[in-house]
Amino acid sequence: MSYLMDALRKAERERNIGRVPDAVNNEFATAYIPTHRRWHWLPLLLGGLIALNLVLLTAFWLSSRMSSTSAPPADPPPAPSQPAPSQPA
């Protein structure tokens, strides 16, 4: 890969011989960025997303657990309003 990049840089330099350097043709502007440095933030991003997911899932789990345990107990069935008839003696 570096052989290809070196050849491309050499061809670009040969093509630009005799030109006045400007901001567009600046060799520093087209510098090669190694691939191992391009993605250095990716593990941090993935770790942050996983941590955020765990926090949100825990909050959801705790809120659903609290709402199910804090519900008031069901009311007992109402007592009959008329007394039961007594048996004749």
PDB file of N, CA and C in Angstrom:
ATOM      1  N   MET A   1       0.826  -1.185   0.000  1.00  0.00           N
ATOM      2  CA  MET A   1       0.000   0.000   0.000  1.00  0.00           C
ATOM      3  C   MET A   1       0.872   1.251   0.000  1.00  0.00           C
ATOM      4  N   SER A   2       1.951   1.239   0.790  1.00  0.00           N
ATOM      5  CA  SER A   2       2.803   2.428   0.844  1.00  0.00           C
ATOM      6  C   SER A   2       3.555   2.628  -0.468  1.00  0.00           C
ATOM      7  N   TYR A   3       3.864   1.534  -1.188  1.00  0.00           N
ATOM      8  CA  TYR A   3       4.513   1.682  -2.491  1.00  0.00           C
ATOM      9  C   TYR A   3       3.602   2.429  -3.455  1.00  0.00           C
ATOM     10  N   LEU A   4       2.331   2.117  -3.417  1.00  0.00           N
ATOM     11  CA  LEU A   4       1.376   2.804  -4.287  1.00  0.00           C
ATOM     12  C   LEU A   4       1.272   4.280  -3.922  1.00  0.00           C
ATOM     13  N   MET A   5       1.211   4.566  -2.633  1.00  0.00           N
ATOM     14  CA  MET A   5       1.112   5.959  -2.200  1.00  0.00           C
ATOM     15  C   MET A   5       2.373   6.732  -2.566  1.00  0.00           C
ATOM     16  N   ASP A   6       3.540   6.106  -2.408  1.00  0.00           N
ATOM     17  CA  ASP A   6       4.787   6.768  -2.795  1.00  0.00           C
ATOM     18  C   ASP A   6       4.806   7.051  -4.289  1.00  0.00           C
ATOM     19  N   ALA A   7       4.359   6.101  -5.092  1.00  0.00           N
ATOM     20  CA  ALA A   7       4.328   6.298  -6.540  1.00  0.00           C
ATOM     21  C   ALA A   7       3.356   7.409  -6.918  1.00  0.00           C
ATOM     22  N   LEU A   8       2.221   7.467  -6.259  1.00  0.00           N
ATOM     23  CA  LEU A   8       1.263   8.536  -6.539  1.00  0.00           C
ATOM     24  C   LEU A   8       1.816   9.902  -6.149  1.00  0.00           C
ATOM     25  N   ARG A   9       2.500   9.981  -5.030  1.00  0.00           N
ATOM     26  CA  ARG A   9       3.110  11.252  -4.619  1.00  0.00           C
ATOM     27  C   ARG A   9       4.193  11.687  -5.602  1.00  0.00           C
ATOM     28  N   LYS A  10       5.003  10.725  -6.037  1.00  0.00           N
ATOM     29  CA  LYS A  10       6.073  11.044  -6.983  1.00  0.00           C
ATOM     30  C   LYS A  10       5.482  11.539  -8.295  1.00  0.00           C
ATOM     31  N   ALA A  11       4.436  10.890  -8.780  1.00  0.00           N
ATOM     32  CA  ALA A  11       3.800  11.322 -10.020  1.00  0.00           C
ATOM     33  C   ALA A  11       3.191  12.711  -9.856  1.00  0.00           C
ATOM     34  N   GLU A  12       2.613  12.982  -8.713  1.00  0.00           N
ATOM     35  CA  GLU A  12       2.027  14.302  -8.455  1.00  0.00           C
ATOM     36  C   GLU A  12       3.113  15.376  -8.419  1.00  0.00           C
ATOM     37  N   ARG A  13       4.256  15.068  -7.792  1.00  0.00           N
ATOM     38  CA  ARG A  13       5.363  16.034  -7.763  1.00  0.00           C
ATOM     39  C   ARG A  13       5.890  16.306  -9.158  1.00  0.00           C
ATOM     40  N   GLU A  14       6.042  15.254  -9.974  1.00  0.00           N
ATOM     41  CA  GLU A  14       6.538  15.435 -11.340  1.00  0.00           C
ATOM     42  C   GLU A  14       5.551  16.239 -12.174  1.00  0.00           C
ATOM     43  N   ARG A  15       4.284  16.041 -11.931  1.00  0.00           N
ATOM     44  CA  ARG A  15       3.267  16.771 -12.674  1.00  0.00           C
ATOM     45  C   ARG A  15       3.264  18.247 -12.282  1.00  0.00           C
ATOM     46  N   ASN A  16       3.610  18.550 -11.046  1.00  0.00           N
ATOM     47  CA  ASN A  16       3.557  19.922 -10.548  1.00  0.00           C
ATOM     48  C   ASN A  16       4.880  20.670 -10.679  1.00  0.00           C
ATOM     49  N   ILE A  17       5.874  20.089 -11.343  1.00  0.00           N
ATOM     50  CA  ILE A  17       7.161  20.772 -11.508  1.00  0.00           C
ATOM     51  C   ILE A  17       6.937  22.017 -12.364  1.00  0.00           C
ATOM     52  N   GLY A  18       7.424  23.129 -11.887  1.00  0.00           N
ATOM     53  CA  GLY A  18       7.295  24.380 -12.610  1.00  0.00           C
ATOM     54  C   GLY A  18       6.066  25.179 -12.217  1.00  0.00           C
ATOM     55  N   ARG A  19       5.173  24.603 -11.472  1.00  0.00           N
ATOM     56  CA  ARG A  19       3.992  25.346 -11.028  1.00  0.00           C
ATOM     57  C   ARG A  19       4.321  26.114  -9.751  1.00  0.00           C
ATOM     58  N   VAL A  20       3.594  27.181  -9.560  1.00  0.00           N
ATOM     59  CA  VAL A  20       3.736  27.954  -8.333  1.00  0.00           C
ATOM     60  C   VAL A  20       2.886  27.269  -7.263  1.00  0.00           C
ATOM     61  N   PRO A  21       3.478  26.953  -6.120  1.00  0.00           N
ATOM     62  CA  PRO A  21       2.687  26.280  -5.079  1.00  0.00           C
ATOM     63  C   PRO A  21       1.589  27.204  -4.542  1.00  0.00           C
ATOM     64  N   ASP A  22       0.438  26.649  -4.335  1.00  0.00           N
ATOM     65  CA  ASP A  22      -0.669  27.380  -3.725  1.00  0.00           C
ATOM     66  C   ASP A  22      -1.330  26.481  -2.682  1.00  0.00           C
ATOM     67  N   ALA A  23      -2.421  26.945  -2.138  1.00  0.00           N
ATOM     68  CA  ALA A  23      -3.082  26.186  -1.071  1.00  0.00           C
ATOM     69  C   ALA A  23      -3.654  24.874  -1.588  1.00  0.00           C
ATOM     70  N   VAL A  24      -4.047  24.823  -2.861  1.00  0.00           N
ATOM     71  CA  VAL A  24      -4.638  23.608  -3.417  1.00  0.00           C
ATOM     72  C   VAL A  24      -3.565  22.563  -3.695  1.00  0.00           C
ATOM     73  N   ASN A  25      -2.420  22.970  -4.183  1.00  0.00           N
ATOM     74  CA  ASN A  25      -1.355  22.039  -4.536  1.00  0.00           C
ATOM     75  C   ASN A  25      -0.373  21.804  -3.397  1.00  0.00           C
ATOM     76  N   ASN A  26      -0.696  22.247  -2.219  1.00  0.00           N
ATOM     77  CA  ASN A  26       0.187  22.086  -1.074  1.00  0.00           C
ATOM     78  C   ASN A  26       0.353  20.601  -0.756  1.00  0.00           C
ATOM     79  N   GLU A  27       1.579  20.173  -0.632  1.00  0.00           N
ATOM     80  CA  GLU A  27       1.851  18.763  -0.371  1.00  0.00           C
ATOM     81  C   GLU A  27       1.384  18.350   1.024  1.00  0.00           C
ATOM     82  N   PHE A  28       1.379  19.292   1.958  1.00  0.00           N
ATOM     83  CA  PHE A  28       0.924  18.968   3.303  1.00  0.00           C
ATOM     84  C   PHE A  28      -0.585  18.749   3.347  1.00  0.00           C
ATOM     85  N   ALA A  29      -1.317  19.381   2.465  1.00  0.00           N
ATOM     86  CA  ALA A  29      -2.776  19.227   2.457  1.00  0.00           C
ATOM     87  C   ALA A  29      -3.189  17.841   1.983  1.00  0.00           C
ATOM     88  N   THR A  30      -2.364  17.214   1.147  1.00  0.00           N
ATOM     89  CA  THR A  30      -2.698  15.888   0.626  1.00  0.00           C
ATOM     90  C   THR A  30      -1.890  14.801   1.320  1.00  0.00           C
ATOM     91  N   ALA A  31      -1.465  15.072   2.536  1.00  0.00           N
ATOM     92  CA  ALA A  31      -0.653  14.095   3.260  1.00  0.00           C
ATOM     93  C   ALA A  31      -1.461  12.829   3.526  1.00  0.00           C
ATOM     94  N   TYR A  32      -0.772  11.733   3.537  1.00  0.00           N
ATOM     95  CA  TYR A  32      -1.402  10.433   3.762  1.00  0.00           C
ATOM     96  C   TYR A  32      -1.702  10.267   5.244  1.00  0.00           C
ATOM     97  N   ILE A  33      -2.924   9.912   5.558  1.00  0.00           N
ATOM     98  CA  ILE A  33      -3.319   9.637   6.940  1.00  0.00           C
ATOM     99  C   ILE A  33      -3.351   8.126   7.109  1.00  0.00           C
ATOM    100  N   PRO A  34      -2.554   7.569   8.000  1.00  0.00           N
ATOM    101  CA  PRO A  34      -2.558   6.116   8.176  1.00  0.00           C
ATOM    102  C   PRO A  34      -3.931   5.621   8.609  1.00  0.00           C
ATOM    103  N   THR A  35      -4.288   4.437   8.132  1.00  0.00           N
ATOM    104  CA  THR A  35      -5.615   3.899   8.424  1.00  0.00           C
ATOM    105  C   THR A  35      -5.766   3.533   9.893  1.00  0.00           C
ATOM    106  N   HIS A  36      -4.697   3.167  10.561  1.00  0.00           N
ATOM    107  CA  HIS A  36      -4.820   2.796  11.973  1.00  0.00           C
ATOM    108  C   HIS A  36      -5.142   4.004  12.842  1.00  0.00           C
ATOM    109  N   ARG A  37      -4.946   5.214  12.359  1.00  0.00           N
ATOM    110  CA  ARG A  37      -5.264   6.401  13.139  1.00  0.00           C
ATOM    111  C   ARG A  37      -6.644   6.945  12.780  1.00  0.00           C
ATOM    112  N   ARG A  38      -7.187   6.532  11.643  1.00  0.00           N
ATOM    113  CA  ARG A  38      -8.486   7.036  11.226  1.00  0.00           C
ATOM    114  C   ARG A  38      -9.600   6.554  12.137  1.00  0.00           C
ATOM    115  N   TRP A  39      -9.522   5.325  12.555  1.00  0.00           N
ATOM    116  CA  TRP A  39     -10.616   4.705  13.283  1.00  0.00           C
ATOM    117  C   TRP A  39     -10.320   4.574  14.777  1.00  0.00           C
ATOM    118  N   HIS A  40      -9.449   5.395  15.331  1.00  0.00           N
ATOM    119  CA  HIS A  40      -9.105   5.263  16.743  1.00  0.00           C
ATOM    120  C   HIS A  40     -10.281   5.603  17.659  1.00  0.00           C
ATOM    121  N   TRP A  41     -11.262   6.336  17.198  1.00  0.00           N
ATOM    122  CA  TRP A  41     -12.418   6.721  18.000  1.00  0.00           C
ATOM    123  C   TRP A  41     -13.522   5.670  17.971  1.00  0.00           C
ATOM    124  N   LEU A  42     -13.457   4.706  17.065  1.00  0.00           N
ATOM    125  CA  LEU A  42     -14.531   3.727  16.913  1.00  0.00           C
ATOM    126  C   LEU A  42     -14.746   2.870  18.172  1.00  0.00           C
ATOM    127  N   PRO A  43     -13.708   2.323  18.812  1.00  0.00           N
ATOM    128  CA  PRO A  43     -13.954   1.556  20.049  1.00  0.00           C
ATOM    129  C   PRO A  43     -14.563   2.414  21.158  1.00  0.00           C
ATOM    130  N   LEU A  44     -14.170   3.677  21.232  1.00  0.00           N
ATOM    131  CA  LEU A  44     -14.753   4.563  22.244  1.00  0.00           C
ATOM    132  C   LEU A  44     -16.234   4.800  21.971  1.00  0.00           C
ATOM    133  N   LEU A  45     -16.576   4.981  20.715  1.00  0.00           N
ATOM    134  CA  LEU A  45     -17.976   5.186  20.352  1.00  0.00           C
ATOM    135  C   LEU A  45     -18.809   3.947  20.658  1.00  0.00           C
ATOM    136  N   LEU A  46     -18.305   2.787  20.298  1.00  0.00           N
ATOM    137  CA  LEU A  46     -19.041   1.551  20.565  1.00  0.00           C
ATOM    138  C   LEU A  46     -19.192   1.308  22.066  1.00  0.00           C
ATOM    139  N   GLY A  47     -18.142   1.541  22.825  1.00  0.00           N
ATOM    140  CA  GLY A  47     -18.221   1.383  24.278  1.00  0.00           C
ATOM    141  C   GLY A  47     -19.228   2.339  24.895  1.00  0.00           C
ATOM    142  N   GLY A  48     -19.244   3.569  24.421  1.00  0.00           N
ATOM    143  CA  GLY A  48     -20.214   4.538  24.921  1.00  0.00           C
ATOM    144  C   GLY A  48     -21.643   4.150  24.595  1.00  0.00           C
ATOM    145  N   LEU A  49     -21.867   3.650  23.387  1.00  0.00           N
ATOM    146  CA  LEU A  49     -23.213   3.217  23.007  1.00  0.00           C
ATOM    147  C   LEU A  49     -23.674   2.017  23.822  1.00  0.00           C
ATOM    148  N   ILE A  50     -22.772   1.095  24.079  1.00  0.00           N
ATOM    149  CA  ILE A  50     -23.126  -0.074  24.897  1.00  0.00           C
ATOM    150  C   ILE A  50     -23.440   0.362  26.329  1.00  0.00           C
ATOM    151  N   ALA A  51     -22.632   1.266  26.878  1.00  0.00           N
ATOM    152  CA  ALA A  51     -22.878   1.748  28.243  1.00  0.00           C
ATOM    153  C   ALA A  51     -24.210   2.492  28.322  1.00  0.00           C
ATOM    154  N   LEU A  52     -24.499   3.322  27.335  1.00  0.00           N
ATOM    155  CA  LEU A  52     -25.774   4.040  27.312  1.00  0.00           C
ATOM    156  C   LEU A  52     -26.946   3.073  27.216  1.00  0.00           C
ATOM    157  N   ASN A  53     -26.795   2.044  26.403  1.00  0.00           N
ATOM    158  CA  ASN A  53     -27.840   1.029  26.265  1.00  0.00           C
ATOM    159  C   ASN A  53     -28.083   0.322  27.600  1.00  0.00           C
ATOM    160  N   LEU A  54     -27.022  -0.030  28.304  1.00  0.00           N
ATOM    161  CA  LEU A  54     -27.174  -0.692  29.605  1.00  0.00           C
ATOM    162  C   LEU A  54     -27.865   0.210  30.623  1.00  0.00           C
ATOM    163  N   VAL A  55     -27.516   1.483  30.628  1.00  0.00           N
ATOM    164  CA  VAL A  55     -28.145   2.418  31.561  1.00  0.00           C
ATOM    165  C   VAL A  55     -29.634   2.552  31.258  1.00  0.00           C
ATOM    166  N   LEU A  56     -29.980   2.695  29.976  1.00  0.00           N
ATOM    167  CA  LEU A  56     -31.390   2.840  29.613  1.00  0.00           C
ATOM    168  C   LEU A  56     -32.187   1.574  29.902  1.00  0.00           C
ATOM    169  N   LEU A  57     -31.612   0.418  29.623  1.00  0.00           N
ATOM    170  CA  LEU A  57     -32.311  -0.831  29.918  1.00  0.00           C
ATOM    171  C   LEU A  57     -32.512  -1.022  31.417  1.00  0.00           C
ATOM    172  N   THR A  58     -31.519  -0.670  32.213  1.00  0.00           N
ATOM    173  CA  THR A  58     -31.644  -0.778  33.664  1.00  0.00           C
ATOM    174  C   THR A  58     -32.721   0.172  34.183  1.00  0.00           C
ATOM    175  N   ALA A  59     -32.736   1.396  33.675  1.00  0.00           N
ATOM    176  CA  ALA A  59     -33.759   2.353  34.102  1.00  0.00           C
ATOM    177  C   ALA A  59     -35.152   1.863  33.719  1.00  0.00           C
ATOM    178  N   PHE A  60     -35.304   1.328  32.529  1.00  0.00           N
ATOM    179  CA  PHE A  60     -36.602   0.807  32.095  1.00  0.00           C
ATOM    180  C   PHE A  60     -37.021  -0.371  32.961  1.00  0.00           C
ATOM    181  N   TRP A  61     -36.076  -1.266  33.243  1.00  0.00           N
ATOM    182  CA  TRP A  61     -36.385  -2.448  34.053  1.00  0.00           C
ATOM    183  C   TRP A  61     -36.798  -2.041  35.467  1.00  0.00           C
ATOM    184  N   LEU A  62     -36.051  -1.096  36.055  1.00  0.00           N
ATOM    185  CA  LEU A  62     -36.379  -0.652  37.411  1.00  0.00           C
ATOM    186  C   LEU A  62     -37.719   0.076  37.454  1.00  0.00           C
ATOM    187  N   SER A  63     -38.006   0.889  36.454  1.00  0.00           N
ATOM    188  CA  SER A  63     -39.277   1.617  36.472  1.00  0.00           C
ATOM    189  C   SER A  63     -40.455   0.665  36.294  1.00  0.00           C
ATOM    190  N   SER A  64     -40.304  -0.349  35.460  1.00  0.00           N
ATOM    191  CA  SER A  64     -41.404  -1.305  35.293  1.00  0.00           C
ATOM    192  C   SER A  64     -41.555  -2.166  36.545  1.00  0.00           C
ATOM    193  N   ARG A  65     -40.465  -2.456  37.206  1.00  0.00           N
ATOM    194  CA  ARG A  65     -40.520  -3.258  38.431  1.00  0.00           C
ATOM    195  C   ARG A  65     -41.168  -2.466  39.557  1.00  0.00           C
ATOM    196  N   MET A  66     -40.842  -1.181  39.651  1.00  0.00           N
ATOM    197  CA  MET A  66     -41.405  -0.336  40.703  1.00  0.00           C
ATOM    198  C   MET A  66     -42.895  -0.112  40.478  1.00  0.00           C
ATOM    199  N   SER A  67     -43.316   0.042  39.242  1.00  0.00           N
ATOM    200  CA  SER A  67     -44.735   0.296  38.988  1.00  0.00           C
ATOM    201  C   SER A  67     -45.573  -0.945  39.278  1.00  0.00           C
ATOM    202  N   SER A  68     -45.021  -2.130  39.096  1.00  0.00           N
ATOM    203  CA  SER A  68     -45.798  -3.340  39.370  1.00  0.00           C
ATOM    204  C   SER A  68     -45.869  -3.634  40.868  1.00  0.00           C
ATOM    205  N   THR A  69     -44.875  -3.246  41.647  1.00  0.00           N
ATOM    206  CA  THR A  69     -44.898  -3.510  43.089  1.00  0.00           C
ATOM    207  C   THR A  69     -45.588  -2.402  43.860  1.00  0.00           C
ATOM    208  N   SER A  70     -45.693  -1.206  43.320  1.00  0.00           N
ATOM    209  CA  SER A  70     -46.292  -0.100  44.061  1.00  0.00           C
ATOM    210  C   SER A  70     -47.781   0.046  43.777  1.00  0.00           C
ATOM    211  N   ALA A  71     -48.373  -0.847  43.034  1.00  0.00           N
ATOM    212  CA  ALA A  71     -49.808  -0.776  42.760  1.00  0.00           C
ATOM    213  C   ALA A  71     -50.573  -1.084  44.043  1.00  0.00           C
ATOM    214  N   PRO A  72     -51.653  -0.345  44.304  1.00  0.00           N
ATOM    215  CA  PRO A  72     -52.419  -0.609  45.529  1.00  0.00           C
ATOM    216  C   PRO A  72     -53.091  -1.976  45.438  1.00  0.00           C
ATOM    217  N   PRO A  73     -53.281  -2.634  46.597  1.00  0.00           N
ATOM    218  CA  PRO A  73     -53.922  -3.945  46.567  1.00  0.00           C
ATOM    219  C   PRO A  73     -55.371  -3.816  46.102  1.00  0.00           C
ATOM    220  N   ALA A  74     -55.864  -4.865  45.517  1.00  0.00           N
ATOM    221  CA  ALA A  74     -57.239  -4.853  45.021  1.00  0.00           C
ATOM    222  C   ALA A  74     -58.205  -4.771  46.193  1.00  0.00           C
ATOM    223  N   ASP A  75     -59.301  -4.049  45.990  1.00  0.00           N
ATOM    224  CA  ASP A  75     -60.316  -3.922  47.038  1.00  0.00           C
ATOM    225  C   ASP A  75     -61.022  -5.263  47.229  1.00  0.00           C
ATOM    226  N   PRO A  76     -61.361  -5.592  48.494  1.00  0.00           N
ATOM    227  CA  PRO A  76     -62.109  -6.838  48.718  1.00  0.00           C
ATOM    228  C   PRO A  76     -63.511  -6.691  48.122  1.00  0.00           C
ATOM    229  N   PRO A  77     -64.137  -7.789  47.763  1.00  0.00           N
ATOM    230  CA  PRO A  77     -65.481  -7.682  47.189  1.00  0.00           C
ATOM    231  C   PRO A  77     -66.441  -7.061  48.199  1.00  0.00           C
ATOM    232  N   PRO A  78     -67.403  -6.285  47.737  1.00  0.00           N
ATOM    233  CA  PRO A  78     -68.317  -5.613  48.675  1.00  0.00           C
ATOM    234  C   PRO A  78     -69.188  -6.629  49.417  1.00  0.00           C
ATOM    235  N   ALA A  79     -69.496  -6.308  50.655  1.00  0.00           N
ATOM    236  CA  ALA A  79     -70.351  -7.187  51.480  1.00  0.00           C
ATOM    237  C   ALA A  79     -71.790  -7.091  50.977  1.00  0.00           C
ATOM    238  N   PRO A  80     -72.554  -8.174  51.089  1.00  0.00           N
ATOM    239  CA  PRO A  80     -73.949  -8.104  50.638  1.00  0.00           C
ATOM    240  C   PRO A  80     -74.733  -7.103  51.478  1.00  0.00           C
ATOM    241  N   SER A  81     -75.593  -6.349  50.818  1.00  0.00           N
ATOM    242  CA  SER A  81     -76.330  -5.303  51.511  1.00  0.00           C
ATOM    243  C   SER A  81     -77.522  -5.851  52.302  1.00  0.00           C
ATOM    244  N   GLN A  82     -78.096  -6.962  51.916  1.00  0.00           N
ATOM    245  CA  GLN A  82     -79.226  -7.542  52.653  1.00  0.00           C
ATOM    246  C   GLN A  82     -78.727  -8.709  53.495  1.00  0.00           C
ATOM    247  N   PRO A  83     -79.228  -8.826  54.712  1.00  0.00           N
ATOM    248  CA  PRO A  83     -78.813  -9.964  55.526  1.00  0.00           C
ATOM    249  C   PRO A  83     -79.412 -11.253  54.962  1.00  0.00           C
ATOM    250  N   ALA A  84     -78.709 -12.316  55.168  1.00  0.00           N
ATOM    251  CA  ALA A  84     -79.187 -13.614  54.680  1.00  0.00           C
ATOM    252  C   ALA A  84     -80.424 -14.034  55.471  1.00  0.00           C
ATOM    253  N   PRO A  85     -81.438 -14.631  54.816  1.00  0.00           N
ATOM    254  CA  PRO A  85     -82.638 -15.051  55.560  1.00  0.00           C
ATOM    255  C   PRO A  85     -82.290 -16.156  56.549  1.00  0.00           C
ATOM    256  N   SER A  86     -82.851 -16.054  57.719  1.00  0.00           N
ATOM    257  CA  SER A  86     -82.589 -17.069  58.744  1.00  0.00           C
ATOM    258  C   SER A  86     -83.553 -18.236  58.575  1.00  0.00           C
ATOM    259  N   GLN A  87     -83.130 -19.360  59.048  1.00  0.00           N
ATOM    260  CA  GLN A  87     -83.976 -20.561  58.939  1.00  0.00           C
ATOM    261  C   GLN A  87     -85.020 -20.546  60.053  1.00  0.00           C
ATOM    262  N   PRO A  88     -86.257 -20.946  59.730  1.00  0.00           N
ATOM    263  CA  PRO A  88     -87.268 -20.978  60.800  1.00  0.00           C
ATOM    264  C   PRO A  88     -86.971 -22.104  61.784  1.00  0.00           C
ATOM    265  N   ALA A  89     -87.257 -21.890  62.993  1.00  0.00           N
ATOM    266  CA  ALA A  89     -87.001 -22.886  64.017  1.00  0.00           C
ATOM    267  C   ALA A  89     -88.140 -23.799  64.273  1.00  0.00           C
TER     268      ALA A  89
END
